Amino acid sequence: VQLQASGGGLVQAGGSLRLSCAASEIIFSIIPMAWYRQAPGKQRELVASIASGDFTITNYADSVKGRFTISRDSSGNTVYLQMNSLKPEDTAVYYCNALYSPRPWGQGTLVTVSS
């Protein structure tokens, strides 16, 4: 099982990044998926989720609502996170995984937002 997140980097506050997550198994295309993040010294937290059948069903943590957008490609096997108006507090390693019963975690992708 592989969940490969990419697209992270260093960006100034107010900037944007688009993260991508490619899943190696077809199962991920038919289950709800999510983006999580873990900031230094903090626990991993749920950032955004997207349903499997109806890709318009999404949910967001209050801290990113209105700034982040989660989406999936038509196959459902690639999940994206568009991040706008980034803040220093968004600095974290971002991971994608199943919303329910997460599988083994991939390496994630580091997002660093400078003030």
PDB file of N, CA and C in Angstrom:
ATOM      1  N   VAL A   1       0.858  -1.192   0.000  1.00  0.00           N
ATOM      2  CA  VAL A   1       0.000   0.000   0.000  1.00  0.00           C
ATOM      3  C   VAL A   1       0.884   1.229   0.000  1.00  0.00           C
ATOM      4  N   GLN A   2       0.656   2.100  -0.959  1.00  0.00           N
ATOM      5  CA  GLN A   2       1.440   3.330  -1.008  1.00  0.00           C
ATOM      6  C   GLN A   2       0.537   4.519  -1.236  1.00  0.00           C
ATOM      7  N   LEU A   3       0.771   5.545  -0.444  1.00  0.00           N
ATOM      8  CA  LEU A   3       0.081   6.808  -0.605  1.00  0.00           C
ATOM      9  C   LEU A   3       1.167   7.859  -0.714  1.00  0.00           C
ATOM     10  N   GLN A   4       1.396   8.334  -1.914  1.00  0.00           N
ATOM     11  CA  GLN A   4       2.501   9.241  -2.173  1.00  0.00           C
ATOM     12  C   GLN A   4       1.993  10.668  -2.299  1.00  0.00           C
ATOM     13  N   ALA A   5       2.320  11.482  -1.301  1.00  0.00           N
ATOM     14  CA  ALA A   5       1.942  12.891  -1.326  1.00  0.00           C
ATOM     15  C   ALA A   5       3.087  13.703  -1.917  1.00  0.00           C
ATOM     16  N   SER A   6       2.748  14.722  -2.674  1.00  0.00           N
ATOM     17  CA  SER A   6       3.762  15.580  -3.288  1.00  0.00           C
ATOM     18  C   SER A   6       3.212  16.987  -3.445  1.00  0.00           C
ATOM     19  N   GLY A   7       4.102  17.917  -3.779  1.00  0.00           N
ATOM     20  CA  GLY A   7       3.684  19.279  -4.046  1.00  0.00           C
ATOM     21  C   GLY A   7       4.008  20.280  -2.957  1.00  0.00           C
ATOM     22  N   GLY A   8       4.575  19.803  -1.862  1.00  0.00           N
ATOM     23  CA  GLY A   8       4.928  20.715  -0.788  1.00  0.00           C
ATOM     24  C   GLY A   8       6.117  21.590  -1.152  1.00  0.00           C
ATOM     25  N   GLY A   9       6.417  22.532  -0.269  1.00  0.00           N
ATOM     26  CA  GLY A   9       7.550  23.411  -0.512  1.00  0.00           C
ATOM     27  C   GLY A   9       7.524  24.595   0.431  1.00  0.00           C
ATOM     28  N   LEU A  10       8.369  25.555   0.131  1.00  0.00           N
ATOM     29  CA  LEU A  10       8.466  26.778   0.924  1.00  0.00           C
ATOM     30  C   LEU A  10       7.710  27.884   0.200  1.00  0.00           C
ATOM     31  N   VAL A  11       6.837  28.544   0.909  1.00  0.00           N
ATOM     32  CA  VAL A  11       6.034  29.611   0.323  1.00  0.00           C
ATOM     33  C   VAL A  11       5.865  30.728   1.342  1.00  0.00           C
ATOM     34  N   GLN A  12       5.720  31.942   0.861  1.00  0.00           N
ATOM     35  CA  GLN A  12       5.482  33.067   1.757  1.00  0.00           C
ATOM     36  C   GLN A  12       4.021  33.096   2.195  1.00  0.00           C
ATOM     37  N   ALA A  13       3.786  33.686   3.317  1.00  0.00           N
ATOM     38  CA  ALA A  13       2.423  33.852   3.801  1.00  0.00           C
ATOM     39  C   ALA A  13       1.593  34.554   2.729  1.00  0.00           C
ATOM     40  N   GLY A  14       0.372  34.047   2.542  1.00  0.00           N
ATOM     41  CA  GLY A  14      -0.491  34.583   1.497  1.00  0.00           C
ATOM     42  C   GLY A  14      -0.384  33.846   0.185  1.00  0.00           C
ATOM     43  N   GLY A  15       0.607  33.000   0.062  1.00  0.00           N
ATOM     44  CA  GLY A  15       0.822  32.254  -1.170  1.00  0.00           C
ATOM     45  C   GLY A  15      -0.050  31.019  -1.270  1.00  0.00           C
ATOM     46  N   SER A  16       0.194  30.258  -2.349  1.00  0.00           N
ATOM     47  CA  SER A  16      -0.613  29.065  -2.629  1.00  0.00           C
ATOM     48  C   SER A  16       0.274  27.874  -2.969  1.00  0.00           C
ATOM     49  N   LEU A  17      -0.252  26.706  -2.687  1.00  0.00           N
ATOM     50  CA  LEU A  17       0.366  25.452  -3.097  1.00  0.00           C
ATOM     51  C   LEU A  17      -0.731  24.471  -3.439  1.00  0.00           C
ATOM     52  N   ARG A  18      -0.406  23.525  -4.312  1.00  0.00           N
ATOM     53  CA  ARG A  18      -1.342  22.452  -4.630  1.00  0.00           C
ATOM     54  C   ARG A  18      -0.666  21.116  -4.351  1.00  0.00           C
ATOM     55  N   LEU A  19      -1.231  20.381  -3.435  1.00  0.00           N
ATOM     56  CA  LEU A  19      -0.710  19.066  -3.091  1.00  0.00           C
ATOM     57  C   LEU A  19      -1.443  17.994  -3.891  1.00  0.00           C
ATOM     58  N   SER A  20      -0.720  16.929  -4.209  1.00  0.00           N
ATOM     59  CA  SER A  20      -1.303  15.786  -4.909  1.00  0.00           C
ATOM     60  C   SER A  20      -1.016  14.519  -4.119  1.00  0.00           C
ATOM     61  N   CYS A  21      -1.905  13.561  -4.247  1.00  0.00           N
ATOM     62  CA  CYS A  21      -1.724  12.271  -3.576  1.00  0.00           C
ATOM     63  C   CYS A  21      -2.117  11.173  -4.541  1.00  0.00           C
ATOM     64  N   ALA A  22      -1.165  10.340  -4.875  1.00  0.00           N
ATOM     65  CA  ALA A  22      -1.418   9.213  -5.769  1.00  0.00           C
ATOM     66  C   ALA A  22      -1.455   7.929  -4.948  1.00  0.00           C
ATOM     67  N   ALA A  23      -2.533   7.177  -5.106  1.00  0.00           N
ATOM     68  CA  ALA A  23      -2.687   5.919  -4.368  1.00  0.00           C
ATOM     69  C   ALA A  23      -2.324   4.746  -5.265  1.00  0.00           C
ATOM     70  N   SER A  24      -1.653   3.772  -4.688  1.00  0.00           N
ATOM     71  CA  SER A  24      -1.166   2.652  -5.489  1.00  0.00           C
ATOM     72  C   SER A  24      -2.187   1.545  -5.665  1.00  0.00           C
ATOM     73  N   GLU A  25      -3.245   1.580  -4.874  1.00  0.00           N
ATOM     74  CA  GLU A  25      -4.242   0.522  -4.965  1.00  0.00           C
ATOM     75  C   GLU A  25      -5.607   1.094  -5.314  1.00  0.00           C
ATOM     76  N   ILE A  26      -6.340   0.342  -6.107  1.00  0.00           N
ATOM     77  CA  ILE A  26      -7.629   0.807  -6.621  1.00  0.00           C
ATOM     78  C   ILE A  26      -8.629   1.023  -5.501  1.00  0.00           C
ATOM     79  N   ILE A  27      -8.418   0.374  -4.356  1.00  0.00           N
ATOM     80  CA  ILE A  27      -9.363   0.502  -3.253  1.00  0.00           C
ATOM     81  C   ILE A  27      -9.546   1.956  -2.837  1.00  0.00           C
ATOM     82  N   PHE A  28      -8.476   2.743  -2.990  1.00  0.00           N
ATOM     83  CA  PHE A  28      -8.552   4.130  -2.548  1.00  0.00           C
ATOM     84  C   PHE A  28      -9.471   4.963  -3.420  1.00  0.00           C
ATOM     85  N   SER A  29      -9.793   4.482  -4.590  1.00  0.00           N
ATOM     86  CA  SER A  29     -10.688   5.235  -5.475  1.00  0.00           C
ATOM     87  C   SER A  29     -12.148   5.079  -5.072  1.00  0.00           C
ATOM     88  N   ILE A  30     -12.446   4.144  -4.167  1.00  0.00           N
ATOM     89  CA  ILE A  30     -13.844   3.889  -3.834  1.00  0.00           C
ATOM     90  C   ILE A  30     -14.134   4.091  -2.354  1.00  0.00           C
ATOM     91  N   ILE A  31     -13.230   4.748  -1.661  1.00  0.00           N
ATOM     92  CA  ILE A  31     -13.469   5.044  -0.249  1.00  0.00           C
ATOM     93  C   ILE A  31     -13.249   6.534  -0.001  1.00  0.00           C
ATOM     94  N   PRO A  32     -13.856   7.071   1.050  1.00  0.00           N
ATOM     95  CA  PRO A  32     -13.606   8.482   1.374  1.00  0.00           C
ATOM     96  C   PRO A  32     -12.128   8.683   1.717  1.00  0.00           C
ATOM     97  N   MET A  33     -11.587   9.792   1.225  1.00  0.00           N
ATOM     98  CA  MET A  33     -10.189  10.097   1.456  1.00  0.00           C
ATOM     99  C   MET A  33     -10.052  11.421   2.187  1.00  0.00           C
ATOM    100  N   ALA A  34      -8.855  11.651   2.710  1.00  0.00           N
ATOM    101  CA  ALA A  34      -8.646  12.857   3.502  1.00  0.00           C
ATOM    102  C   ALA A  34      -7.190  13.306   3.436  1.00  0.00           C
ATOM    103  N   TRP A  35      -7.019  14.570   3.732  1.00  0.00           N
ATOM    104  CA  TRP A  35      -5.701  15.129   3.968  1.00  0.00           C
ATOM    105  C   TRP A  35      -5.561  15.383   5.462  1.00  0.00           C
ATOM    106  N   TYR A  36      -4.398  15.048   5.981  1.00  0.00           N
ATOM    107  CA  TYR A  36      -4.067  15.275   7.362  1.00  0.00           C
ATOM    108  C   TYR A  36      -2.769  16.099   7.403  1.00  0.00           C
ATOM    109  N   ARG A  37      -2.485  16.671   8.553  1.00  0.00           N
ATOM    110  CA  ARG A  37      -1.200  17.353   8.704  1.00  0.00           C
ATOM    111  C   ARG A  37      -0.692  17.195  10.127  1.00  0.00           C
ATOM    112  N   GLN A  38       0.621  17.272  10.239  1.00  0.00           N
ATOM    113  CA  GLN A  38       1.250  17.202  11.546  1.00  0.00           C
ATOM    114  C   GLN A  38       2.312  18.282  11.626  1.00  0.00           C
ATOM    115  N   ALA A  39       2.061  19.235  12.506  1.00  0.00           N
ATOM    116  CA  ALA A  39       3.016  20.313  12.734  1.00  0.00           C
ATOM    117  C   ALA A  39       4.050  19.857  13.758  1.00  0.00           C
ATOM    118  N   PRO A  40       5.221  20.474  13.769  1.00  0.00           N
ATOM    119  CA  PRO A  40       6.265  20.087  14.726  1.00  0.00           C
ATOM    120  C   PRO A  40       5.751  20.132  16.156  1.00  0.00           C
ATOM    121  N   GLY A  41       5.935  19.043  16.874  1.00  0.00           N
ATOM    122  CA  GLY A  41       5.544  18.983  18.263  1.00  0.00           C
ATOM    123  C   GLY A  41       4.055  18.823  18.514  1.00  0.00           C
ATOM    124  N   LYS A  42       3.277  18.614  17.460  1.00  0.00           N
ATOM    125  CA  LYS A  42       1.830  18.483  17.618  1.00  0.00           C
ATOM    126  C   LYS A  42       1.349  17.150  17.057  1.00  0.00           C
ATOM    127  N   GLN A  43       0.147  16.793  17.435  1.00  0.00           N
ATOM    128  CA  GLN A  43      -0.439  15.563  16.923  1.00  0.00           C
ATOM    129  C   GLN A  43      -0.951  15.776  15.506  1.00  0.00           C
ATOM    130  N   ARG A  44      -1.039  14.668  14.791  1.00  0.00           N
ATOM    131  CA  ARG A  44      -1.590  14.718  13.443  1.00  0.00           C
ATOM    132  C   ARG A  44      -3.067  15.112  13.519  1.00  0.00           C
ATOM    133  N   GLU A  45      -3.506  15.974  12.610  1.00  0.00           N
ATOM    134  CA  GLU A  45      -4.889  16.422  12.618  1.00  0.00           C
ATOM    135  C   GLU A  45      -5.503  16.293  11.228  1.00  0.00           C
ATOM    136  N   LEU A  46      -6.806  16.124  11.217  1.00  0.00           N
ATOM    137  CA  LEU A  46      -7.553  16.034   9.970  1.00  0.00           C
ATOM    138  C   LEU A  46      -7.766  17.434   9.403  1.00  0.00           C
ATOM    139  N   VAL A  47      -7.443  17.613   8.150  1.00  0.00           N
ATOM    140  CA  VAL A  47      -7.557  18.918   7.508  1.00  0.00           C
ATOM    141  C   VAL A  47      -8.792  18.990   6.612  1.00  0.00           C
ATOM    142  N   ALA A  48      -8.973  17.985   5.769  1.00  0.00           N
ATOM    143  CA  ALA A  48     -10.085  18.005   4.821  1.00  0.00           C
ATOM    144  C   ALA A  48     -10.400  16.579   4.396  1.00  0.00           C
ATOM    145  N   SER A  49     -11.643  16.341   4.015  1.00  0.00           N
ATOM    146  CA  SER A  49     -12.043  15.022   3.553  1.00  0.00           C
ATOM    147  C   SER A  49     -12.969  15.156   2.356  1.00  0.00           C
ATOM    148  N   ILE A  50     -13.037  14.072   1.582  1.00  0.00           N
ATOM    149  CA  ILE A  50     -13.876  14.055   0.396  1.00  0.00           C
ATOM    150  C   ILE A  50     -14.491  12.674   0.262  1.00  0.00           C
ATOM    151  N   ALA A  51     -15.768  12.659  -0.113  1.00  0.00           N
ATOM    152  CA  ALA A  51     -16.491  11.400  -0.239  1.00  0.00           C
ATOM    153  C   ALA A  51     -15.999  10.604  -1.443  1.00  0.00           C
ATOM    154  N   SER A  52     -16.457   9.342  -1.521  1.00  0.00           N
ATOM    155  CA  SER A  52     -16.040   8.477  -2.610  1.00  0.00           C
ATOM    156  C   SER A  52     -16.996   8.546  -3.800  1.00  0.00           C
ATOM    157  N   GLY A  53     -18.283   8.436  -3.581  1.00  0.00           N
ATOM    158  CA  GLY A  53     -19.222   8.435  -4.701  1.00  0.00           C
ATOM    159  C   GLY A  53     -19.503   9.816  -5.241  1.00  0.00           C
ATOM    160  N   ASP A  54     -19.802  10.737  -4.367  1.00  0.00           N
ATOM    161  CA  ASP A  54     -20.133  12.112  -4.747  1.00  0.00           C
ATOM    162  C   ASP A  54     -18.988  13.009  -4.328  1.00  0.00           C
ATOM    163  N   PHE A  55     -18.183  13.417  -5.304  1.00  0.00           N
ATOM    164  CA  PHE A  55     -16.988  14.200  -5.002  1.00  0.00           C
ATOM    165  C   PHE A  55     -17.308  15.619  -4.547  1.00  0.00           C
ATOM    166  N   THR A  56     -18.562  15.985  -4.545  1.00  0.00           N
ATOM    167  CA  THR A  56     -18.926  17.321  -4.063  1.00  0.00           C
ATOM    168  C   THR A  56     -19.106  17.347  -2.553  1.00  0.00           C
ATOM    169  N   ILE A  57     -19.118  16.183  -1.940  1.00  0.00           N
ATOM    170  CA  ILE A  57     -19.275  16.100  -0.483  1.00  0.00           C
ATOM    171  C   ILE A  57     -17.890  16.210   0.146  1.00  0.00           C
ATOM    172  N   THR A  58     -17.640  17.364   0.733  1.00  0.00           N
ATOM    173  CA  THR A  58     -16.346  17.642   1.346  1.00  0.00           C
ATOM    174  C   THR A  58     -16.543  18.258   2.729  1.00  0.00           C
ATOM    175  N   ASN A  59     -15.539  18.116   3.546  1.00  0.00           N
ATOM    176  CA  ASN A  59     -15.549  18.726   4.872  1.00  0.00           C
ATOM    177  C   ASN A  59     -14.162  19.267   5.183  1.00  0.00           C
ATOM    178  N   TYR A  60     -14.146  20.326   5.990  1.00  0.00           N
ATOM    179  CA  TYR A  60     -12.885  20.993   6.287  1.00  0.00           C
ATOM    180  C   TYR A  60     -12.774  21.313   7.776  1.00  0.00           C
ATOM    181  N   ALA A  61     -11.564  21.300   8.259  1.00  0.00           N
ATOM    182  CA  ALA A  61     -11.308  21.810   9.597  1.00  0.00           C
ATOM    183  C   ALA A  61     -11.592  23.311   9.591  1.00  0.00           C
ATOM    184  N   ASP A  62     -12.061  23.814  10.711  1.00  0.00           N
ATOM    185  CA  ASP A  62     -12.396  25.243  10.788  1.00  0.00           C
ATOM    186  C   ASP A  62     -11.195  26.123  10.436  1.00  0.00           C
ATOM    187  N   SER A  63     -10.021  25.657  10.765  1.00  0.00           N
ATOM    188  CA  SER A  63      -8.815  26.465  10.569  1.00  0.00           C
ATOM    189  C   SER A  63      -8.464  26.667   9.090  1.00  0.00           C
ATOM    190  N   VAL A  64      -9.010  25.831   8.197  1.00  0.00           N
ATOM    191  CA  VAL A  64      -8.669  25.956   6.773  1.00  0.00           C
ATOM    192  C   VAL A  64      -9.884  26.250   5.909  1.00  0.00           C
ATOM    193  N   LYS A  65     -11.043  26.275   6.505  1.00  0.00           N
ATOM    194  CA  LYS A  65     -12.275  26.492   5.741  1.00  0.00           C
ATOM    195  C   LYS A  65     -12.206  27.824   4.997  1.00  0.00           C
ATOM    196  N   GLY A  66     -12.558  27.775   3.718  1.00  0.00           N
ATOM    197  CA  GLY A  66     -12.521  28.979   2.895  1.00  0.00           C
ATOM    198  C   GLY A  66     -11.179  29.239   2.245  1.00  0.00           C
ATOM    199  N   ARG A  67     -10.153  28.511   2.665  1.00  0.00           N
ATOM    200  CA  ARG A  67      -8.813  28.704   2.090  1.00  0.00           C
ATOM    201  C   ARG A  67      -8.332  27.459   1.341  1.00  0.00           C
ATOM    202  N   PHE A  68      -8.709  26.293   1.808  1.00  0.00           N
ATOM    203  CA  PHE A  68      -8.277  25.029   1.203  1.00  0.00           C
ATOM    204  C   PHE A  68      -9.446  24.393   0.464  1.00  0.00           C
ATOM    205  N   THR A  69      -9.105  23.676  -0.616  1.00  0.00           N
ATOM    206  CA  THR A  69     -10.108  22.937  -1.375  1.00  0.00           C
ATOM    207  C   THR A  69      -9.582  21.548  -1.697  1.00  0.00           C
ATOM    208  N   ILE A  70     -10.341  20.542  -1.301  1.00  0.00           N
ATOM    209  CA  ILE A  70      -9.971  19.159  -1.595  1.00  0.00           C
ATOM    210  C   ILE A  70     -10.752  18.694  -2.814  1.00  0.00           C
ATOM    211  N   SER A  71     -10.112  17.877  -3.643  1.00  0.00           N
ATOM    212  CA  SER A  71     -10.780  17.368  -4.837  1.00  0.00           C
ATOM    213  C   SER A  71     -10.164  16.031  -5.227  1.00  0.00           C
ATOM    214  N   ARG A  72     -10.826  15.358  -6.165  1.00  0.00           N
ATOM    215  CA  ARG A  72     -10.317  14.080  -6.670  1.00  0.00           C
ATOM    216  C   ARG A  72     -10.419  14.095  -8.195  1.00  0.00           C
ATOM    217  N   ASP A  73      -9.566  13.345  -8.852  1.00  0.00           N
ATOM    218  CA  ASP A  73      -9.710  13.235 -10.300  1.00  0.00           C
ATOM    219  C   ASP A  73     -10.855  12.276 -10.605  1.00  0.00           C
ATOM    220  N   SER A  74     -11.212  12.168 -11.882  1.00  0.00           N
ATOM    221  CA  SER A  74     -12.399  11.403 -12.265  1.00  0.00           C
ATOM    222  C   SER A  74     -12.292   9.930 -11.882  1.00  0.00           C
ATOM    223  N   SER A  75     -11.087   9.404 -11.819  1.00  0.00           N
ATOM    224  CA  SER A  75     -10.911   8.004 -11.425  1.00  0.00           C
ATOM    225  C   SER A  75     -11.046   7.840  -9.918  1.00  0.00           C
ATOM    226  N   GLY A  76     -10.890   8.936  -9.213  1.00  0.00           N
ATOM    227  CA  GLY A  76     -10.974   8.894  -7.756  1.00  0.00           C
ATOM    228  C   GLY A  76      -9.695   8.475  -7.081  1.00  0.00           C
ATOM    229  N   ASN A  77      -8.686   8.108  -7.876  1.00  0.00           N
ATOM    230  CA  ASN A  77      -7.478   7.560  -7.289  1.00  0.00           C
ATOM    231  C   ASN A  77      -6.425   8.599  -6.957  1.00  0.00           C
ATOM    232  N   THR A  78      -6.611   9.815  -7.413  1.00  0.00           N
ATOM    233  CA  THR A  78      -5.691  10.905  -7.084  1.00  0.00           C
ATOM    234  C   THR A  78      -6.481  11.978  -6.362  1.00  0.00           C
ATOM    235  N   VAL A  79      -5.945  12.398  -5.244  1.00  0.00           N
ATOM    236  CA  VAL A  79      -6.609  13.397  -4.414  1.00  0.00           C
ATOM    237  C   VAL A  79      -5.728  14.642  -4.366  1.00  0.00           C
ATOM    238  N   TYR A  80      -6.345  15.795  -4.429  1.00  0.00           N
ATOM    239  CA  TYR A  80      -5.624  17.054  -4.442  1.00  0.00           C
ATOM    240  C   TYR A  80      -6.026  17.907  -3.234  1.00  0.00           C
ATOM    241  N   LEU A  81      -5.139  18.813  -2.873  1.00  0.00           N
ATOM    242  CA  LEU A  81      -5.461  19.816  -1.873  1.00  0.00           C
ATOM    243  C   LEU A  81      -4.915  21.149  -2.363  1.00  0.00           C
ATOM    244  N   GLN A  82      -5.818  22.012  -2.780  1.00  0.00           N
ATOM    245  CA  GLN A  82      -5.438  23.361  -3.184  1.00  0.00           C
ATOM    246  C   GLN A  82      -5.434  24.232  -1.943  1.00  0.00           C
ATOM    247  N   MET A  83      -4.294  24.838  -1.662  1.00  0.00           N
ATOM    248  CA  MET A  83      -4.151  25.635  -0.455  1.00  0.00           C
ATOM    249  C   MET A  83      -3.858  27.076  -0.853  1.00  0.00           C
ATOM    250  N   ASN A  84      -4.755  27.969  -0.501  1.00  0.00           N
ATOM    251  CA  ASN A  84      -4.605  29.394  -0.796  1.00  0.00           C
ATOM    252  C   ASN A  84      -4.493  30.183   0.499  1.00  0.00           C
ATOM    253  N   SER A  85      -4.044  31.408   0.383  1.00  0.00           N
ATOM    254  CA  SER A  85      -3.928  32.302   1.542  1.00  0.00           C
ATOM    255  C   SER A  85      -3.223  31.607   2.699  1.00  0.00           C
ATOM    256  N   LEU A  86      -2.113  30.983   2.399  1.00  0.00           N
ATOM    257  CA  LEU A  86      -1.406  30.208   3.409  1.00  0.00           C
ATOM    258  C   LEU A  86      -0.895  31.090   4.548  1.00  0.00           C
ATOM    259  N   LYS A  87      -0.888  30.508   5.730  1.00  0.00           N
ATOM    260  CA  LYS A  87      -0.444  31.187   6.945  1.00  0.00           C
ATOM    261  C   LYS A  87       0.723  30.408   7.553  1.00  0.00           C
ATOM    262  N   PRO A  88       1.548  31.075   8.340  1.00  0.00           N
ATOM    263  CA  PRO A  88       2.650  30.351   8.998  1.00  0.00           C
ATOM    264  C   PRO A  88       2.168  29.156   9.804  1.00  0.00           C
ATOM    265  N   GLU A  89       0.986  29.248  10.387  1.00  0.00           N
ATOM    266  CA  GLU A  89       0.467  28.132  11.181  1.00  0.00           C
ATOM    267  C   GLU A  89       0.031  26.946  10.342  1.00  0.00           C
ATOM    268  N   ASP A  90       0.059  27.079   9.020  1.00  0.00           N
ATOM    269  CA  ASP A  90      -0.211  25.935   8.142  1.00  0.00           C
ATOM    270  C   ASP A  90       1.045  25.082   7.935  1.00  0.00           C
ATOM    271  N   THR A  91       2.173  25.549   8.442  1.00  0.00           N
ATOM    272  CA  THR A  91       3.422  24.787   8.313  1.00  0.00           C
ATOM    273  C   THR A  91       3.285  23.427   8.981  1.00  0.00           C
ATOM    274  N   ALA A  92       3.536  22.374   8.209  1.00  0.00           N
ATOM    275  CA  ALA A  92       3.364  21.009   8.701  1.00  0.00           C
ATOM    276  C   ALA A  92       3.770  20.031   7.603  1.00  0.00           C
ATOM    277  N   VAL A  93       3.849  18.771   7.988  1.00  0.00           N
ATOM    278  CA  VAL A  93       3.946  17.698   7.003  1.00  0.00           C
ATOM    279  C   VAL A  93       2.521  17.259   6.691  1.00  0.00           C
ATOM    280  N   TYR A  94       2.187  17.240   5.428  1.00  0.00           N
ATOM    281  CA  TYR A  94       0.841  16.893   4.987  1.00  0.00           C
ATOM    282  C   TYR A  94       0.826  15.467   4.437  1.00  0.00           C
ATOM    283  N   TYR A  95      -0.198  14.729   4.843  1.00  0.00           N
ATOM    284  CA  TYR A  95      -0.375  13.343   4.434  1.00  0.00           C
ATOM    285  C   TYR A  95      -1.774  13.145   3.853  1.00  0.00           C
ATOM    286  N   CYS A  96      -1.887  12.209   2.947  1.00  0.00           N
ATOM    287  CA  CYS A  96      -3.210  11.774   2.523  1.00  0.00           C
ATOM    288  C   CYS A  96      -3.407  10.349   2.992  1.00  0.00           C
ATOM    289  N   ASN A  97      -4.650  10.000   3.243  1.00  0.00           N
ATOM    290  CA  ASN A  97      -4.969   8.652   3.689  1.00  0.00           C
ATOM    291  C   ASN A  97      -6.473   8.478   3.659  1.00  0.00           C
ATOM    292  N   ALA A  98      -6.892   7.268   3.934  1.00  0.00           N
ATOM    293  CA  ALA A  98      -8.322   7.013   4.034  1.00  0.00           C
ATOM    294  C   ALA A  98      -8.904   7.821   5.182  1.00  0.00           C
ATOM    295  N   LEU A  99     -10.153   8.264   5.039  1.00  0.00           N
ATOM    296  CA  LEU A  99     -10.794   9.015   6.113  1.00  0.00           C
ATOM    297  C   LEU A  99     -11.090   8.102   7.299  1.00  0.00           C
ATOM    298  N   TYR A 100     -11.544   6.900   7.002  1.00  0.00           N
ATOM    299  CA  TYR A 100     -11.844   5.940   8.063  1.00  0.00           C
ATOM    300  C   TYR A 100     -10.807   4.822   8.005  1.00  0.00           C
ATOM    301  N   SER A 101     -10.368   4.384   9.141  1.00  0.00           N
ATOM    302  CA  SER A 101      -9.361   3.315   9.240  1.00  0.00           C
ATOM    303  C   SER A 101      -8.165   3.590   8.329  1.00  0.00           C
ATOM    304  N   PRO A 102      -7.412   4.644   8.631  1.00  0.00           N
ATOM    305  CA  PRO A 102      -6.250   4.975   7.797  1.00  0.00           C
ATOM    306  C   PRO A 102      -5.308   3.789   7.637  1.00  0.00           C
ATOM    307  N   ARG A 103      -4.768   3.674   6.441  1.00  0.00           N
ATOM    308  CA  ARG A 103      -3.786   2.640   6.140  1.00  0.00           C
ATOM    309  C   ARG A 103      -2.405   3.112   6.595  1.00  0.00           C
ATOM    310  N   PRO A 104      -1.363   2.291   6.400  1.00  0.00           N
ATOM    311  CA  PRO A 104      -0.008   2.749   6.767  1.00  0.00           C
ATOM    312  C   PRO A 104       0.301   4.109   6.140  1.00  0.00           C
ATOM    313  N   TRP A 105       0.891   4.978   6.933  1.00  0.00           N
ATOM    314  CA  TRP A 105       1.146   6.338   6.486  1.00  0.00           C
ATOM    315  C   TRP A 105       2.332   6.397   5.543  1.00  0.00           C
ATOM    316  N   GLY A 106       2.195   7.215   4.510  1.00  0.00           N
ATOM    317  CA  GLY A 106       3.310   7.481   3.620  1.00  0.00           C
ATOM    318  C   GLY A 106       4.232   8.515   4.251  1.00  0.00           C
ATOM    319  N   GLN A 107       5.192   9.017   3.477  1.00  0.00           N
ATOM    320  CA  GLN A 107       6.167   9.958   4.011  1.00  0.00           C
ATOM    321  C   GLN A 107       5.605  11.351   4.159  1.00  0.00           C
ATOM    322  N   GLY A 108       4.561  11.678   3.444  1.00  0.00           N
ATOM    323  CA  GLY A 108       4.011  13.013   3.504  1.00  0.00           C
ATOM    324  C   GLY A 108       4.838  14.001   2.708  1.00  0.00           C
ATOM    325  N   THR A 109       4.353  15.229   2.657  1.00  0.00           N
ATOM    326  CA  THR A 109       5.067  16.290   1.955  1.00  0.00           C
ATOM    327  C   THR A 109       5.099  17.518   2.850  1.00  0.00           C
ATOM    328  N   LEU A 110       6.263  18.135   2.963  1.00  0.00           N
ATOM    329  CA  LEU A 110       6.460  19.238   3.896  1.00  0.00           C
ATOM    330  C   LEU A 110       6.032  20.557   3.271  1.00  0.00           C
ATOM    331  N   VAL A 111       5.200  21.262   4.000  1.00  0.00           N
ATOM    332  CA  VAL A 111       4.783  22.607   3.617  1.00  0.00           C
ATOM    333  C   VAL A 111       5.330  23.574   4.661  1.00  0.00           C
ATOM    334  N   THR A 112       6.093  24.555   4.212  1.00  0.00           N
ATOM    335  CA  THR A 112       6.647  25.554   5.110  1.00  0.00           C
ATOM    336  C   THR A 112       6.187  26.925   4.640  1.00  0.00           C
ATOM    337  N   VAL A 113       5.504  27.639   5.530  1.00  0.00           N
ATOM    338  CA  VAL A 113       4.993  28.966   5.203  1.00  0.00           C
ATOM    339  C   VAL A 113       5.761  29.992   6.029  1.00  0.00           C
ATOM    340  N   SER A 114       6.456  30.866   5.347  1.00  0.00           N
ATOM    341  CA  SER A 114       7.245  31.886   6.038  1.00  0.00           C
ATOM    342  C   SER A 114       6.431  33.159   6.193  1.00  0.00           C
ATOM    343  N   SER A 115       6.706  33.854   7.290  1.00  0.00           N
ATOM    344  CA  SER A 115       5.953  35.089   7.571  1.00  0.00           C
ATOM    345  C   SER A 115       6.613  36.293   6.924  1.00  0.00           C
TER     346      SER A 115
END
